[in-house]
């Protein structure tokens, strides 16, 4: 798929937003990642391919410049961006209710992709805000995979709903002269 200049510029800005906000969340041990707002934004406006590519590039660049753990999660970001574009095409970003539902879908599926990475690459500990919840669940007798899955599902649901709402609000607030040039914007208009 060929990407136009407007989409490429949006992707570059989204990558910067993702890395900066995500790194701040890691530094302050926030229990939410909020590192995919730009990825979802690109998915809504430019489609699943652009969203997925934005997610992958975000994690690989972030991994190279400051946080090597982030690079391992590029499959998760690929899924987030791709799903955002697919859900946008299906009209799931037309209302606040559907946007919340999009966050739930993205949260569940991204958890399914993330859990094996967290467990098998990092032994359940990535240095993120969910490590405390994982440790607590382990301490009360849960298995490692269950502990990681439960902690991350709860966190991912909250994170992806918030991420989708922020991206949706940004899209709704952007001027029409900017958004009208994106192929997928029409699927999210009310």
N, C-alpha and C. Protein backbone atom coordinates (compact mmCIF):
# COMPACT_ATOMS: atom_id res chain seq x y z
N UNK A 1 0.84 -1.18 0.00
CA UNK A 1 0.00 0.00 0.00
C UNK A 1 0.89 1.24 0.00
N UNK A 2 0.51 2.20 -0.82
CA UNK A 2 1.27 3.44 -0.91
C UNK A 2 0.71 4.47 0.07
N UNK A 3 1.59 5.10 0.80
CA UNK A 3 1.18 6.13 1.75
C UNK A 3 1.50 7.50 1.18
N UNK A 4 0.56 8.43 1.30
CA UNK A 4 0.80 9.78 0.81
C UNK A 4 1.61 10.58 1.83
N UNK A 5 2.05 11.75 1.41
CA UNK A 5 2.89 12.59 2.26
C UNK A 5 2.18 12.99 3.55
N UNK A 6 0.91 13.29 3.46
CA UNK A 6 0.14 13.70 4.64
C UNK A 6 0.12 12.57 5.68
N UNK A 7 -0.07 11.34 5.21
CA UNK A 7 -0.09 10.19 6.12
C UNK A 7 1.29 9.96 6.73
N UNK A 8 2.33 10.11 5.94
CA UNK A 8 3.70 9.91 6.45
C UNK A 8 4.04 10.94 7.51
N UNK A 9 3.63 12.19 7.30
CA UNK A 9 3.88 13.23 8.30
C UNK A 9 3.10 12.93 9.57
N UNK A 10 1.83 12.53 9.42
CA UNK A 10 1.03 12.16 10.59
C UNK A 10 1.68 11.01 11.34
N UNK A 11 2.18 10.02 10.61
CA UNK A 11 2.84 8.88 11.25
C UNK A 11 4.07 9.32 12.04
N UNK A 12 4.86 10.22 11.47
CA UNK A 12 6.07 10.70 12.17
C UNK A 12 5.70 11.43 13.46
N UNK A 13 4.68 12.29 13.39
CA UNK A 13 4.24 13.01 14.58
C UNK A 13 3.69 12.03 15.61
N UNK A 14 2.94 11.04 15.16
CA UNK A 14 2.36 10.04 16.06
C UNK A 14 3.45 9.23 16.76
N UNK A 15 4.50 8.89 16.06
CA UNK A 15 5.61 8.14 16.66
C UNK A 15 6.24 8.95 17.79
N UNK A 16 6.46 10.23 17.54
CA UNK A 16 7.03 11.09 18.58
C UNK A 16 6.09 11.16 19.79
N UNK A 17 4.82 11.35 19.55
CA UNK A 17 3.83 11.39 20.64
C UNK A 17 3.88 10.09 21.44
N UNK A 18 3.86 8.96 20.75
CA UNK A 18 3.87 7.66 21.42
C UNK A 18 5.10 7.49 22.30
N UNK A 19 6.27 7.79 21.76
CA UNK A 19 7.52 7.57 22.50
C UNK A 19 7.61 8.51 23.70
N UNK A 20 7.30 9.77 23.50
CA UNK A 20 7.43 10.74 24.60
C UNK A 20 6.45 10.42 25.73
N UNK A 21 5.18 10.24 25.38
CA UNK A 21 4.18 9.95 26.41
C UNK A 21 4.45 8.59 27.06
N UNK A 22 4.79 7.60 26.25
CA UNK A 22 5.08 6.27 26.78
C UNK A 22 6.29 6.25 27.70
N UNK A 23 7.33 6.99 27.35
CA UNK A 23 8.53 7.03 28.19
C UNK A 23 8.24 7.72 29.51
N UNK A 24 7.44 8.77 29.47
CA UNK A 24 7.06 9.44 30.73
C UNK A 24 6.30 8.46 31.62
N UNK A 25 5.38 7.70 31.05
CA UNK A 25 4.62 6.71 31.83
C UNK A 25 5.53 5.66 32.45
N UNK A 26 6.56 5.24 31.72
CA UNK A 26 7.52 4.26 32.26
C UNK A 26 8.32 4.87 33.39
N UNK A 27 8.81 6.08 33.20
CA UNK A 27 9.63 6.73 34.23
C UNK A 27 8.89 6.91 35.54
N UNK A 28 7.61 7.29 35.46
CA UNK A 28 6.87 7.54 36.71
C UNK A 28 6.11 6.30 37.17
N UNK A 29 6.35 5.15 36.50
CA UNK A 29 5.72 3.88 36.86
C UNK A 29 4.19 3.98 36.88
N UNK A 30 3.66 4.70 35.91
CA UNK A 30 2.22 4.83 35.76
C UNK A 30 1.64 3.45 35.45
N UNK A 31 0.51 3.10 36.03
CA UNK A 31 -0.06 1.77 35.75
C UNK A 31 -0.71 1.68 34.37
N UNK A 32 -0.67 2.74 33.59
CA UNK A 32 -1.14 2.75 32.22
C UNK A 32 0.03 3.07 31.30
N UNK A 33 -0.02 2.52 30.10
CA UNK A 33 1.08 2.77 29.16
C UNK A 33 0.88 4.06 28.38
N UNK A 34 -0.32 4.32 27.94
CA UNK A 34 -0.68 5.47 27.09
C UNK A 34 0.35 5.76 26.00
N UNK A 35 0.91 4.70 25.45
CA UNK A 35 1.94 4.85 24.42
C UNK A 35 1.43 4.53 23.02
N UNK A 36 0.11 4.48 22.86
CA UNK A 36 -0.44 4.13 21.55
C UNK A 36 -1.48 5.13 21.06
N UNK A 37 -1.53 6.30 21.67
CA UNK A 37 -2.50 7.31 21.23
C UNK A 37 -2.23 7.68 19.77
N UNK A 38 -0.99 7.90 19.43
CA UNK A 38 -0.63 8.23 18.06
C UNK A 38 -0.93 7.10 17.10
N UNK A 39 -0.68 5.88 17.53
CA UNK A 39 -0.94 4.71 16.69
C UNK A 39 -2.43 4.59 16.37
N UNK A 40 -3.27 4.74 17.38
CA UNK A 40 -4.72 4.68 17.17
C UNK A 40 -5.18 5.85 16.30
N UNK A 41 -4.64 7.02 16.54
CA UNK A 41 -4.97 8.20 15.74
C UNK A 41 -4.68 7.95 14.26
N UNK A 42 -3.53 7.40 13.97
CA UNK A 42 -3.18 7.09 12.58
C UNK A 42 -4.11 6.02 12.02
N UNK A 43 -4.41 5.00 12.81
CA UNK A 43 -5.34 3.97 12.36
C UNK A 43 -6.70 4.54 11.99
N UNK A 44 -7.20 5.46 12.81
CA UNK A 44 -8.51 6.07 12.56
C UNK A 44 -8.48 6.90 11.27
N UNK A 45 -7.43 7.67 11.08
CA UNK A 45 -7.38 8.58 9.94
C UNK A 45 -6.84 7.97 8.66
N UNK A 46 -5.83 7.12 8.77
CA UNK A 46 -5.13 6.64 7.58
C UNK A 46 -5.30 5.15 7.31
N UNK A 47 -5.94 4.43 8.22
CA UNK A 47 -6.23 3.02 7.97
C UNK A 47 -5.33 2.04 8.69
N UNK A 48 -5.65 0.74 8.55
CA UNK A 48 -4.95 -0.30 9.31
C UNK A 48 -3.48 -0.46 8.94
N UNK A 49 -3.13 -0.33 7.69
CA UNK A 49 -1.73 -0.49 7.30
C UNK A 49 -0.88 0.62 7.92
N UNK A 50 -1.33 1.86 7.78
CA UNK A 50 -0.59 2.99 8.34
C UNK A 50 -0.54 2.90 9.87
N UNK A 51 -1.66 2.50 10.49
CA UNK A 51 -1.69 2.35 11.95
C UNK A 51 -0.73 1.27 12.42
N UNK A 52 -0.75 0.12 11.75
CA UNK A 52 0.14 -0.98 12.13
C UNK A 52 1.60 -0.59 11.94
N UNK A 53 1.91 0.07 10.83
CA UNK A 53 3.29 0.50 10.57
C UNK A 53 3.74 1.53 11.60
N UNK A 54 2.85 2.43 11.98
CA UNK A 54 3.17 3.41 13.02
C UNK A 54 3.50 2.71 14.33
N UNK A 55 2.69 1.72 14.70
CA UNK A 55 2.94 0.98 15.93
C UNK A 55 4.28 0.26 15.92
N UNK A 56 4.57 -0.43 14.83
CA UNK A 56 5.84 -1.16 14.72
C UNK A 56 7.02 -0.19 14.79
N UNK A 57 6.97 0.88 14.00
CA UNK A 57 8.09 1.84 14.00
C UNK A 57 8.25 2.51 15.35
N UNK A 58 7.14 2.80 16.02
CA UNK A 58 7.23 3.39 17.36
C UNK A 58 8.06 2.51 18.28
N UNK A 59 7.71 1.24 18.35
CA UNK A 59 8.40 0.36 19.28
C UNK A 59 9.85 0.10 18.89
N UNK A 60 10.11 -0.04 17.62
CA UNK A 60 11.50 -0.27 17.20
C UNK A 60 12.37 0.95 17.44
N UNK A 61 11.86 2.14 17.12
CA UNK A 61 12.62 3.37 17.35
C UNK A 61 12.81 3.60 18.85
N UNK A 62 11.74 3.45 19.61
CA UNK A 62 11.79 3.62 21.05
C UNK A 62 12.80 2.64 21.66
N UNK A 63 12.77 1.42 21.19
CA UNK A 63 13.71 0.41 21.67
C UNK A 63 15.16 0.77 21.38
N UNK A 64 15.39 1.38 20.25
CA UNK A 64 16.76 1.78 19.89
C UNK A 64 17.25 2.99 20.65
N UNK A 65 16.36 3.95 20.92
CA UNK A 65 16.84 5.20 21.53
C UNK A 65 16.82 5.23 23.05
N UNK A 66 15.90 4.47 23.69
CA UNK A 66 15.89 4.61 25.15
C UNK A 66 15.43 3.39 25.94
N UNK A 67 14.56 2.57 25.41
CA UNK A 67 13.98 1.49 26.20
C UNK A 67 13.94 0.19 25.40
N UNK A 68 14.98 -0.63 25.50
CA UNK A 68 15.04 -1.86 24.71
C UNK A 68 13.84 -2.79 24.92
N UNK A 69 13.20 -2.73 26.07
CA UNK A 69 12.03 -3.56 26.33
C UNK A 69 10.91 -3.22 25.33
N UNK A 70 10.80 -1.97 24.96
CA UNK A 70 9.74 -1.54 24.05
C UNK A 70 9.82 -2.25 22.70
N UNK A 71 11.02 -2.51 22.23
CA UNK A 71 11.19 -3.14 20.92
C UNK A 71 10.54 -4.53 20.88
N UNK A 72 10.58 -5.24 21.99
CA UNK A 72 10.01 -6.59 22.03
C UNK A 72 8.49 -6.58 21.85
N UNK A 73 7.87 -5.45 22.09
CA UNK A 73 6.41 -5.37 22.03
C UNK A 73 5.90 -4.81 20.71
N UNK A 74 6.74 -4.82 19.67
CA UNK A 74 6.27 -4.33 18.38
C UNK A 74 5.08 -5.13 17.84
N UNK A 75 4.98 -6.46 18.10
CA UNK A 75 3.77 -7.15 17.61
C UNK A 75 2.48 -6.62 18.24
N UNK A 76 2.57 -6.21 19.49
CA UNK A 76 1.40 -5.66 20.18
C UNK A 76 0.98 -4.35 19.51
N UNK A 77 1.94 -3.50 19.24
CA UNK A 77 1.63 -2.22 18.60
C UNK A 77 1.14 -2.40 17.17
N UNK A 78 1.66 -3.39 16.49
CA UNK A 78 1.18 -3.72 15.15
C UNK A 78 -0.32 -4.06 15.21
N UNK A 79 -0.70 -4.89 16.17
CA UNK A 79 -2.10 -5.29 16.34
C UNK A 79 -2.96 -4.08 16.71
N UNK A 80 -2.48 -3.24 17.61
CA UNK A 80 -3.24 -2.06 18.04
C UNK A 80 -3.53 -1.15 16.84
N UNK A 81 -2.51 -0.83 16.07
CA UNK A 81 -2.69 0.06 14.92
C UNK A 81 -3.57 -0.56 13.84
N UNK A 82 -3.35 -1.84 13.58
CA UNK A 82 -4.16 -2.53 12.58
C UNK A 82 -5.62 -2.60 12.99
N UNK A 83 -5.86 -2.97 14.25
CA UNK A 83 -7.24 -3.05 14.75
C UNK A 83 -7.92 -1.68 14.75
N UNK A 84 -7.19 -0.64 15.12
CA UNK A 84 -7.78 0.70 15.12
C UNK A 84 -8.26 1.06 13.71
N UNK A 85 -7.45 0.75 12.71
CA UNK A 85 -7.85 1.02 11.34
C UNK A 85 -9.04 0.19 10.89
N UNK A 86 -9.03 -1.08 11.24
CA UNK A 86 -10.14 -1.97 10.87
C UNK A 86 -11.43 -1.52 11.56
N UNK A 87 -11.34 -1.23 12.85
CA UNK A 87 -12.52 -0.79 13.59
C UNK A 87 -13.01 0.57 13.08
N UNK A 88 -12.08 1.44 12.70
CA UNK A 88 -12.48 2.73 12.12
C UNK A 88 -13.24 2.49 10.82
N UNK A 89 -12.74 1.58 10.00
CA UNK A 89 -13.41 1.25 8.72
C UNK A 89 -14.82 0.71 8.97
N UNK A 90 -15.01 0.02 10.07
CA UNK A 90 -16.32 -0.54 10.42
C UNK A 90 -17.23 0.49 11.10
N UNK A 91 -16.73 1.72 11.29
CA UNK A 91 -17.53 2.77 11.90
C UNK A 91 -17.54 2.78 13.41
N UNK A 92 -16.59 2.11 14.03
CA UNK A 92 -16.56 1.99 15.49
C UNK A 92 -16.03 3.23 16.20
N UNK A 93 -15.63 4.24 15.48
CA UNK A 93 -15.16 5.48 16.12
C UNK A 93 -16.12 6.64 15.82
N UNK A 94 -17.38 6.34 15.54
CA UNK A 94 -18.36 7.37 15.24
C UNK A 94 -18.96 7.99 16.49
N UNK A 95 -18.99 7.26 17.59
CA UNK A 95 -19.60 7.76 18.82
C UNK A 95 -18.72 7.39 20.00
N UNK A 96 -18.99 8.02 21.13
CA UNK A 96 -18.21 7.74 22.33
C UNK A 96 -18.41 6.29 22.77
N UNK A 97 -19.63 5.78 22.67
CA UNK A 97 -19.90 4.39 23.07
C UNK A 97 -19.15 3.39 22.22
N UNK A 98 -19.16 3.59 20.91
CA UNK A 98 -18.44 2.70 20.01
C UNK A 98 -16.93 2.84 20.18
N UNK A 99 -16.48 4.03 20.52
CA UNK A 99 -15.05 4.24 20.77
C UNK A 99 -14.62 3.47 22.01
N UNK A 100 -15.44 3.48 23.05
CA UNK A 100 -15.16 2.69 24.25
C UNK A 100 -15.14 1.20 23.90
N UNK A 101 -16.11 0.76 23.10
CA UNK A 101 -16.13 -0.65 22.66
C UNK A 101 -14.87 -0.99 21.87
N UNK A 102 -14.40 -0.05 21.05
CA UNK A 102 -13.14 -0.25 20.30
C UNK A 102 -11.98 -0.45 21.27
N UNK A 103 -11.96 0.35 22.34
CA UNK A 103 -10.92 0.22 23.35
C UNK A 103 -10.95 -1.14 24.02
N UNK A 104 -12.14 -1.66 24.26
CA UNK A 104 -12.27 -2.99 24.88
C UNK A 104 -11.74 -4.06 23.93
N UNK A 105 -12.14 -4.01 22.67
CA UNK A 105 -11.67 -4.99 21.68
C UNK A 105 -10.15 -4.93 21.55
N UNK A 106 -9.62 -3.74 21.40
CA UNK A 106 -8.17 -3.58 21.26
C UNK A 106 -7.46 -4.03 22.54
N UNK A 107 -8.04 -3.72 23.71
CA UNK A 107 -7.44 -4.12 24.98
C UNK A 107 -7.36 -5.63 25.14
N UNK A 108 -8.42 -6.33 24.81
CA UNK A 108 -8.45 -7.79 24.94
C UNK A 108 -7.47 -8.44 23.97
N UNK A 109 -7.51 -8.03 22.72
CA UNK A 109 -6.65 -8.67 21.72
C UNK A 109 -5.18 -8.32 21.94
N UNK A 110 -4.90 -7.08 22.34
CA UNK A 110 -3.50 -6.73 22.61
C UNK A 110 -2.96 -7.48 23.83
N UNK A 111 -3.82 -7.79 24.79
CA UNK A 111 -3.40 -8.60 25.95
C UNK A 111 -3.03 -10.00 25.50
N UNK A 112 -3.84 -10.58 24.63
CA UNK A 112 -3.56 -11.92 24.12
C UNK A 112 -2.21 -11.97 23.43
N UNK A 113 -1.85 -10.91 22.72
CA UNK A 113 -0.56 -10.85 22.02
C UNK A 113 0.57 -10.56 23.01
N UNK A 114 0.31 -9.74 24.02
CA UNK A 114 1.38 -9.31 24.94
C UNK A 114 1.78 -10.36 25.97
N UNK A 115 0.84 -11.15 26.46
CA UNK A 115 1.12 -12.08 27.56
C UNK A 115 2.28 -13.03 27.23
N UNK A 116 2.31 -13.69 26.09
CA UNK A 116 3.45 -14.57 25.80
C UNK A 116 4.80 -13.83 25.77
N UNK A 117 4.78 -12.61 25.29
CA UNK A 117 6.02 -11.82 25.26
C UNK A 117 6.48 -11.53 26.68
N UNK A 118 5.56 -11.10 27.53
CA UNK A 118 5.90 -10.77 28.91
C UNK A 118 6.39 -12.01 29.66
N UNK A 119 5.71 -13.12 29.49
CA UNK A 119 6.04 -14.33 30.23
C UNK A 119 7.33 -14.97 29.71
N UNK A 120 7.41 -15.20 28.42
CA UNK A 120 8.52 -16.00 27.88
C UNK A 120 9.78 -15.20 27.56
N UNK A 121 9.64 -13.91 27.32
CA UNK A 121 10.84 -13.10 27.07
C UNK A 121 11.36 -12.44 28.35
N UNK A 122 10.44 -12.10 29.25
CA UNK A 122 10.83 -11.31 30.41
C UNK A 122 10.52 -11.97 31.75
N UNK A 123 10.05 -13.19 31.76
CA UNK A 123 9.75 -13.88 33.00
C UNK A 123 8.65 -13.24 33.81
N UNK A 124 7.80 -12.44 33.17
CA UNK A 124 6.68 -11.81 33.85
C UNK A 124 6.95 -10.41 34.36
N UNK A 125 8.19 -9.93 34.24
CA UNK A 125 8.56 -8.62 34.78
C UNK A 125 9.19 -7.78 33.67
N UNK A 126 8.55 -6.63 33.38
CA UNK A 126 9.05 -5.76 32.32
C UNK A 126 9.48 -4.39 32.83
N UNK A 127 9.24 -4.11 34.10
CA UNK A 127 9.55 -2.79 34.64
C UNK A 127 8.40 -1.81 34.48
N UNK A 128 7.26 -2.30 34.04
CA UNK A 128 6.08 -1.45 33.85
C UNK A 128 5.26 -1.39 35.13
N UNK A 129 4.26 -0.54 35.11
CA UNK A 129 3.40 -0.35 36.28
C UNK A 129 2.61 -1.58 36.68
N UNK A 130 2.42 -2.53 35.77
CA UNK A 130 1.64 -3.73 36.09
C UNK A 130 2.45 -4.77 36.87
N UNK A 131 3.74 -4.58 37.02
CA UNK A 131 4.57 -5.56 37.71
C UNK A 131 4.13 -5.77 39.16
N UNK A 132 3.66 -4.71 39.81
CA UNK A 132 3.20 -4.84 41.19
C UNK A 132 1.99 -5.77 41.27
N UNK A 133 1.04 -5.58 40.35
CA UNK A 133 -0.16 -6.42 40.34
C UNK A 133 0.20 -7.87 40.04
N UNK A 134 1.13 -8.07 39.12
CA UNK A 134 1.58 -9.42 38.79
C UNK A 134 2.22 -10.07 40.02
N UNK A 135 3.09 -9.33 40.71
CA UNK A 135 3.75 -9.85 41.90
C UNK A 135 2.73 -10.19 42.99
N UNK A 136 1.73 -9.34 43.15
CA UNK A 136 0.69 -9.60 44.14
C UNK A 136 -0.07 -10.88 43.82
N UNK A 137 -0.46 -11.04 42.57
CA UNK A 137 -1.19 -12.24 42.16
C UNK A 137 -0.35 -13.50 42.34
N UNK A 138 0.94 -13.38 42.06
CA UNK A 138 1.83 -14.52 42.30
C UNK A 138 1.90 -14.84 43.78
N UNK A 139 1.97 -13.81 44.61
CA UNK A 139 2.08 -13.99 46.06
C UNK A 139 0.85 -14.65 46.66
N UNK A 140 -0.31 -14.44 46.03
CA UNK A 140 -1.53 -15.05 46.57
C UNK A 140 -1.85 -16.39 45.91
N UNK A 141 -0.90 -16.92 45.14
CA UNK A 141 -1.04 -18.28 44.65
C UNK A 141 -1.38 -18.49 43.20
N UNK A 142 -1.48 -17.45 42.41
CA UNK A 142 -1.76 -17.62 40.99
C UNK A 142 -0.50 -18.08 40.25
N UNK A 143 -0.69 -18.77 39.15
CA UNK A 143 0.43 -19.17 38.29
C UNK A 143 0.94 -17.93 37.55
N UNK A 144 2.16 -18.01 37.02
CA UNK A 144 2.77 -16.87 36.35
C UNK A 144 1.94 -16.40 35.15
N UNK A 145 1.55 -17.30 34.28
CA UNK A 145 0.79 -16.90 33.09
C UNK A 145 -0.53 -16.25 33.49
N UNK A 146 -1.22 -16.84 34.46
CA UNK A 146 -2.48 -16.26 34.93
C UNK A 146 -2.26 -14.89 35.56
N UNK A 147 -1.22 -14.76 36.36
CA UNK A 147 -0.93 -13.48 37.01
C UNK A 147 -0.67 -12.39 35.98
N UNK A 148 0.17 -12.69 35.01
CA UNK A 148 0.48 -11.72 33.96
C UNK A 148 -0.78 -11.40 33.15
N UNK A 149 -1.55 -12.42 32.81
CA UNK A 149 -2.75 -12.21 31.99
C UNK A 149 -3.77 -11.35 32.71
N UNK A 150 -4.03 -11.65 33.97
CA UNK A 150 -5.03 -10.88 34.73
C UNK A 150 -4.57 -9.44 34.91
N UNK A 151 -3.33 -9.26 35.37
CA UNK A 151 -2.81 -7.91 35.60
C UNK A 151 -2.82 -7.10 34.31
N UNK A 152 -2.42 -7.73 33.22
CA UNK A 152 -2.35 -6.99 31.96
C UNK A 152 -3.70 -6.77 31.32
N UNK A 153 -4.64 -7.69 31.50
CA UNK A 153 -5.97 -7.47 30.95
C UNK A 153 -6.63 -6.28 31.62
N UNK A 154 -6.57 -6.23 32.94
CA UNK A 154 -7.17 -5.11 33.67
C UNK A 154 -6.52 -3.80 33.23
N UNK A 155 -5.20 -3.80 33.20
CA UNK A 155 -4.47 -2.59 32.80
C UNK A 155 -4.76 -2.24 31.35
N UNK A 156 -4.74 -3.23 30.47
CA UNK A 156 -4.94 -2.96 29.04
C UNK A 156 -6.35 -2.45 28.75
N UNK A 157 -7.34 -2.97 29.43
CA UNK A 157 -8.69 -2.46 29.21
C UNK A 157 -8.77 -0.97 29.55
N UNK A 158 -8.28 -0.61 30.72
CA UNK A 158 -8.29 0.81 31.10
C UNK A 158 -7.44 1.64 30.14
N UNK A 159 -6.25 1.14 29.83
CA UNK A 159 -5.32 1.88 28.97
C UNK A 159 -5.88 2.06 27.56
N UNK A 160 -6.39 1.00 26.96
CA UNK A 160 -6.84 1.10 25.57
C UNK A 160 -8.15 1.86 25.45
N UNK A 161 -9.02 1.79 26.44
CA UNK A 161 -10.22 2.62 26.41
C UNK A 161 -9.82 4.09 26.47
N UNK A 162 -8.92 4.43 27.41
CA UNK A 162 -8.43 5.81 27.52
C UNK A 162 -7.72 6.24 26.24
N UNK A 163 -6.87 5.37 25.70
CA UNK A 163 -6.13 5.66 24.47
C UNK A 163 -7.09 5.94 23.32
N UNK A 164 -8.08 5.09 23.15
CA UNK A 164 -9.06 5.28 22.06
C UNK A 164 -9.86 6.56 22.25
N UNK A 165 -10.25 6.85 23.49
CA UNK A 165 -11.01 8.08 23.75
C UNK A 165 -10.16 9.32 23.45
N UNK A 166 -8.90 9.31 23.85
CA UNK A 166 -8.03 10.46 23.58
C UNK A 166 -7.85 10.63 22.07
N UNK A 167 -7.57 9.54 21.36
CA UNK A 167 -7.39 9.62 19.91
C UNK A 167 -8.67 10.11 19.23
N UNK A 168 -9.82 9.59 19.67
CA UNK A 168 -11.11 9.99 19.12
C UNK A 168 -11.36 11.48 19.34
N UNK A 169 -11.06 11.95 20.56
CA UNK A 169 -11.25 13.38 20.85
C UNK A 169 -10.34 14.25 19.99
N UNK A 170 -9.12 13.80 19.78
CA UNK A 170 -8.20 14.54 18.91
C UNK A 170 -8.76 14.61 17.50
N UNK A 171 -9.21 13.46 16.98
CA UNK A 171 -9.77 13.43 15.62
C UNK A 171 -10.96 14.37 15.52
N UNK A 172 -11.83 14.36 16.52
CA UNK A 172 -13.02 15.22 16.49
C UNK A 172 -12.67 16.69 16.57
N UNK A 173 -11.53 17.02 17.16
CA UNK A 173 -11.14 18.42 17.34
C UNK A 173 -10.25 18.95 16.21
N UNK A 174 -9.74 18.07 15.38
CA UNK A 174 -8.89 18.52 14.27
C UNK A 174 -9.74 19.26 13.24
N UNK A 175 -9.16 20.27 12.61
CA UNK A 175 -9.93 21.01 11.61
C UNK A 175 -10.26 20.13 10.40
N UNK A 176 -11.43 20.37 9.81
CA UNK A 176 -11.90 19.59 8.67
C UNK A 176 -10.91 19.69 7.49
N UNK A 177 -10.27 20.82 7.32
CA UNK A 177 -9.32 20.95 6.21
C UNK A 177 -8.14 19.99 6.36
N UNK A 178 -7.85 19.58 7.60
CA UNK A 178 -6.78 18.61 7.84
C UNK A 178 -7.29 17.19 7.69
N UNK A 179 -8.39 16.86 8.35
CA UNK A 179 -8.87 15.48 8.39
C UNK A 179 -9.49 15.01 7.08
N UNK A 180 -10.07 15.92 6.31
CA UNK A 180 -10.76 15.52 5.08
C UNK A 180 -9.82 14.88 4.06
N UNK A 181 -8.54 15.10 4.18
CA UNK A 181 -7.59 14.52 3.25
C UNK A 181 -7.23 13.07 3.55
N UNK A 182 -7.71 12.53 4.64
CA UNK A 182 -7.39 11.14 5.00
C UNK A 182 -8.52 10.21 4.57
N UNK A 183 -8.14 9.13 3.94
CA UNK A 183 -9.11 8.19 3.37
C UNK A 183 -10.06 7.61 4.41
N UNK A 184 -9.58 7.36 5.61
CA UNK A 184 -10.41 6.67 6.60
C UNK A 184 -11.21 7.63 7.48
N UNK A 185 -10.96 8.91 7.39
CA UNK A 185 -11.68 9.85 8.24
C UNK A 185 -13.20 9.76 8.04
N UNK A 186 -13.62 9.57 6.82
CA UNK A 186 -15.05 9.51 6.52
C UNK A 186 -15.79 8.42 7.27
N UNK A 187 -15.10 7.35 7.64
CA UNK A 187 -15.73 6.26 8.37
C UNK A 187 -15.98 6.61 9.83
N UNK A 188 -15.34 7.65 10.32
CA UNK A 188 -15.48 8.02 11.73
C UNK A 188 -16.29 9.29 11.93
N UNK A 189 -16.73 9.90 10.85
CA UNK A 189 -17.56 11.11 10.96
C UNK A 189 -18.95 10.74 11.45
N UNK A 190 -19.50 11.61 12.25
CA UNK A 190 -20.87 11.39 12.71
C UNK A 190 -21.84 11.92 11.68
